[in-house]
């Protein structure tokens, strides 16, 4: 079952490479996902995740990274489950709870978070 904190690798058609994505909301049935990327891709990062951070038990960052809140997306939880079971997305484990809290806070304050996603998340109790 998909839940907040689920991390996964996903090939998105408008992204040049696979990225690590993290589910930041519980499914209702929509969920919000954010993309982790290296620092060189973001001019003014809202959150910095240092290299060697154990983001999940299955994944340690090899370089300092950030979250590209402008690329945040909302999707159906059933679609993500289908992508993982079908092999298009690869399960990367559960995000460290400390980082999930920090990512959620940054999502709400980032000027880059799309308005609809920010509005949806601001109404949630985390």
C-alpha atoms as a PDB file:
ATOM      1  CA  UNK A   1       0.000   0.000   0.000  1.00  0.00           C
ATOM      2  CA  UNK A   2       1.226   3.497  -0.855  1.00  0.00           C
ATOM      3  CA  UNK A   3       1.648   5.867   2.099  1.00  0.00           C
ATOM      4  CA  UNK A   4       3.345   9.145   2.967  1.00  0.00           C
ATOM      5  CA  UNK A   5       7.102   8.692   2.980  1.00  0.00           C
ATOM      6  CA  UNK A   6       7.154   6.130   0.167  1.00  0.00           C
ATOM      7  CA  UNK A   7      10.160   6.813  -2.056  1.00  0.00           C
ATOM      8  CA  UNK A   8      10.505   5.546  -5.599  1.00  0.00           C
ATOM      9  CA  UNK A   9      12.463   6.002  -8.805  1.00  0.00           C
ATOM     10  CA  UNK A  10      10.313   7.116 -11.708  1.00  0.00           C
ATOM     11  CA  UNK A  11      10.876   8.048 -15.321  1.00  0.00           C
ATOM     12  CA  UNK A  12       8.702  11.078 -16.063  1.00  0.00           C
ATOM     13  CA  UNK A  13       8.393  11.947 -19.784  1.00  0.00           C
ATOM     14  CA  UNK A  14       9.268  15.648 -19.355  1.00  0.00           C
ATOM     15  CA  UNK A  15      12.312  14.907 -17.161  1.00  0.00           C
ATOM     16  CA  UNK A  16      15.647  14.035 -18.838  1.00  0.00           C
ATOM     17  CA  UNK A  17      16.667  11.416 -16.224  1.00  0.00           C
ATOM     18  CA  UNK A  18      15.067   9.193 -13.607  1.00  0.00           C
ATOM     19  CA  UNK A  19      14.761  10.897 -10.243  1.00  0.00           C
ATOM     20  CA  UNK A  20      13.949   9.860  -6.731  1.00  0.00           C
ATOM     21  CA  UNK A  21      10.399  10.901  -5.811  1.00  0.00           C
ATOM     22  CA  UNK A  22       8.818  10.960  -2.351  1.00  0.00           C
ATOM     23  CA  UNK A  23       5.135  10.756  -1.457  1.00  0.00           C
ATOM     24  CA  UNK A  24       4.471  13.585   1.022  1.00  0.00           C
ATOM     25  CA  UNK A  25       0.733  13.088   1.679  1.00  0.00           C
ATOM     26  CA  UNK A  26      -1.421  10.163   2.660  1.00  0.00           C
ATOM     27  CA  UNK A  27      -3.617   9.002  -0.226  1.00  0.00           C
ATOM     28  CA  UNK A  28      -7.104  10.512  -0.196  1.00  0.00           C
ATOM     29  CA  UNK A  29      -7.225   9.022  -2.998  1.00  0.00           C
ATOM     30  CA  UNK A  30      -4.952  11.704  -4.508  1.00  0.00           C
ATOM     31  CA  UNK A  31      -1.431  12.014  -3.223  1.00  0.00           C
ATOM     32  CA  UNK A  32       1.330  14.579  -3.677  1.00  0.00           C
ATOM     33  CA  UNK A  33       4.827  13.599  -4.780  1.00  0.00           C
ATOM     34  CA  UNK A  34       8.010  15.695  -4.856  1.00  0.00           C
ATOM     35  CA  UNK A  35      11.203  15.177  -6.833  1.00  0.00           C
ATOM     36  CA  UNK A  36      14.693  15.003  -5.309  1.00  0.00           C
ATOM     37  CA  UNK A  37      17.454  16.350  -7.548  1.00  0.00           C
ATOM     38  CA  UNK A  38      21.040  17.470  -7.217  1.00  0.00           C
ATOM     39  CA  UNK A  39      21.849  21.026  -6.170  1.00  0.00           C
ATOM     40  CA  UNK A  40      23.032  22.165  -9.598  1.00  0.00           C
ATOM     41  CA  UNK A  41      19.462  21.931 -10.939  1.00  0.00           C
ATOM     42  CA  UNK A  42      17.973  24.507  -8.530  1.00  0.00           C
ATOM     43  CA  UNK A  43      19.100  28.140  -8.291  1.00  0.00           C
ATOM     44  CA  UNK A  44      17.641  28.847  -4.825  1.00  0.00           C
ATOM     45  CA  UNK A  45      17.041  25.598  -2.942  1.00  0.00           C
ATOM     46  CA  UNK A  46      14.401  25.633  -0.212  1.00  0.00           C
ATOM     47  CA  UNK A  47      15.910  22.588   1.478  1.00  0.00           C
ATOM     48  CA  UNK A  48      19.415  21.120   1.312  1.00  0.00           C
ATOM     49  CA  UNK A  49      19.935  17.412   1.872  1.00  0.00           C
ATOM     50  CA  UNK A  50      23.694  16.801   2.371  1.00  0.00           C
ATOM     51  CA  UNK A  51      25.606  14.101   0.521  1.00  0.00           C
ATOM     52  CA  UNK A  52      25.865  10.797   2.402  1.00  0.00           C
ATOM     53  CA  UNK A  53      22.383  11.329   3.890  1.00  0.00           C
ATOM     54  CA  UNK A  54      20.563   8.036   4.333  1.00  0.00           C
ATOM     55  CA  UNK A  55      17.259   9.140   2.834  1.00  0.00           C
ATOM     56  CA  UNK A  56      15.775   5.625   2.953  1.00  0.00           C
ATOM     57  CA  UNK A  57      17.194   2.328   4.204  1.00  0.00           C
ATOM     58  CA  UNK A  58      17.749   1.466   0.531  1.00  0.00           C
ATOM     59  CA  UNK A  59      19.199   4.764  -0.678  1.00  0.00           C
ATOM     60  CA  UNK A  60      22.007   7.064   0.454  1.00  0.00           C
ATOM     61  CA  UNK A  61      22.593  10.327  -1.407  1.00  0.00           C
ATOM     62  CA  UNK A  62      25.892  10.470  -3.286  1.00  0.00           C
ATOM     63  CA  UNK A  63      25.831  14.264  -3.596  1.00  0.00           C
ATOM     64  CA  UNK A  64      24.143  17.200  -1.927  1.00  0.00           C
ATOM     65  CA  UNK A  65      20.562  17.363  -3.143  1.00  0.00           C
ATOM     66  CA  UNK A  66      17.372  19.356  -2.876  1.00  0.00           C
ATOM     67  CA  UNK A  67      13.700  19.023  -3.719  1.00  0.00           C
ATOM     68  CA  UNK A  68      12.385  20.676  -6.864  1.00  0.00           C
ATOM     69  CA  UNK A  69       9.039  21.869  -5.531  1.00  0.00           C
ATOM     70  CA  UNK A  70       8.111  23.389  -8.896  1.00  0.00           C
ATOM     71  CA  UNK A  71       7.933  19.808 -10.228  1.00  0.00           C
ATOM     72  CA  UNK A  72       5.603  18.592  -7.466  1.00  0.00           C
ATOM     73  CA  UNK A  73       2.701  16.572  -8.786  1.00  0.00           C
ATOM     74  CA  UNK A  74      -0.645  15.245  -7.639  1.00  0.00           C
ATOM     75  CA  UNK A  75      -1.745  11.809  -8.801  1.00  0.00           C
ATOM     76  CA  UNK A  76      -4.027   8.935  -7.891  1.00  0.00           C
ATOM     77  CA  UNK A  77      -2.510   6.498  -5.406  1.00  0.00           C
ATOM     78  CA  UNK A  78      -3.792   3.601  -7.520  1.00  0.00           C
ATOM     79  CA  UNK A  79      -1.782   4.890 -10.497  1.00  0.00           C
ATOM     80  CA  UNK A  80       1.437   4.961  -8.466  1.00  0.00           C
ATOM     81  CA  UNK A  81       0.743   1.444  -7.165  1.00  0.00           C
ATOM     82  CA  UNK A  82       0.249   0.276 -10.773  1.00  0.00           C
ATOM     83  CA  UNK A  83       3.494   1.957 -11.889  1.00  0.00           C
ATOM     84  CA  UNK A  84       5.427   0.196  -9.110  1.00  0.00           C
ATOM     85  CA  UNK A  85       3.803  -3.221  -9.637  1.00  0.00           C
ATOM     86  CA  UNK A  86       4.237  -2.881 -13.409  1.00  0.00           C
ATOM     87  CA  UNK A  87       7.945  -2.079 -13.116  1.00  0.00           C
ATOM     88  CA  UNK A  88       7.809   1.482 -14.478  1.00  0.00           C
ATOM     89  CA  UNK A  89       8.587   2.868 -11.008  1.00  0.00           C
ATOM     90  CA  UNK A  90      11.047   1.220  -8.621  1.00  0.00           C
ATOM     91  CA  UNK A  91      10.342   1.126  -4.901  1.00  0.00           C
ATOM     92  CA  UNK A  92      13.159   2.880  -2.994  1.00  0.00           C
ATOM     93  CA  UNK A  93      11.876   2.314   0.536  1.00  0.00           C
ATOM     94  CA  UNK A  94      10.471   4.710   3.116  1.00  0.00           C
ATOM     95  CA  UNK A  95      11.881   8.204   3.581  1.00  0.00           C
ATOM     96  CA  UNK A  96      13.494   8.926   6.933  1.00  0.00           C
ATOM     97  CA  UNK A  97      10.715  10.575   9.025  1.00  0.00           C
ATOM     98  CA  UNK A  98      12.958  13.542   9.921  1.00  0.00           C
ATOM     99  CA  UNK A  99      13.466  14.342   6.249  1.00  0.00           C
ATOM    100  CA  UNK A 100       9.779  13.859   5.464  1.00  0.00           C
ATOM    101  CA  UNK A 101       8.892  16.500   8.081  1.00  0.00           C
ATOM    102  CA  UNK A 102      11.491  18.911   6.666  1.00  0.00           C
ATOM    103  CA  UNK A 103      10.344  18.331   3.081  1.00  0.00           C
ATOM    104  CA  UNK A 104       6.685  18.913   4.013  1.00  0.00           C
ATOM    105  CA  UNK A 105       7.521  22.174   5.791  1.00  0.00           C
ATOM    106  CA  UNK A 106       9.598  23.392   2.847  1.00  0.00           C
ATOM    107  CA  UNK A 107       6.821  22.444   0.394  1.00  0.00           C
ATOM    108  CA  UNK A 108       4.403  24.719   2.254  1.00  0.00           C
ATOM    109  CA  UNK A 109       6.793  27.697   2.318  1.00  0.00           C
ATOM    110  CA  UNK A 110       8.498  27.375  -1.063  1.00  0.00           C
ATOM    111  CA  UNK A 111       7.543  30.059  -3.602  1.00  0.00           C
ATOM    112  CA  UNK A 112       8.057  27.368  -6.271  1.00  0.00           C
ATOM    113  CA  UNK A 113       5.347  24.975  -5.059  1.00  0.00           C
ATOM    114  CA  UNK A 114       2.391  25.069  -7.465  1.00  0.00           C
ATOM    115  CA  UNK A 115      -0.541  26.950  -5.898  1.00  0.00           C
ATOM    116  CA  UNK A 116      -2.992  24.040  -6.120  1.00  0.00           C
ATOM    117  CA  UNK A 117      -0.594  21.668  -4.393  1.00  0.00           C
ATOM    118  CA  UNK A 118       0.257  24.206  -1.718  1.00  0.00           C
ATOM    119  CA  UNK A 119      -3.439  24.857  -1.082  1.00  0.00           C
ATOM    120  CA  UNK A 120      -4.197  21.128  -0.880  1.00  0.00           C
ATOM    121  CA  UNK A 121      -1.312  20.443   1.510  1.00  0.00           C
ATOM    122  CA  UNK A 122      -1.986  23.477   3.703  1.00  0.00           C
ATOM    123  CA  UNK A 123      -5.369  21.990   4.613  1.00  0.00           C
ATOM    124  CA  UNK A 124      -3.835  18.710   5.818  1.00  0.00           C
ATOM    125  CA  UNK A 125      -2.961  17.710   9.345  1.00  0.00           C
ATOM    126  CA  UNK A 126       0.487  16.127   9.291  1.00  0.00           C
END
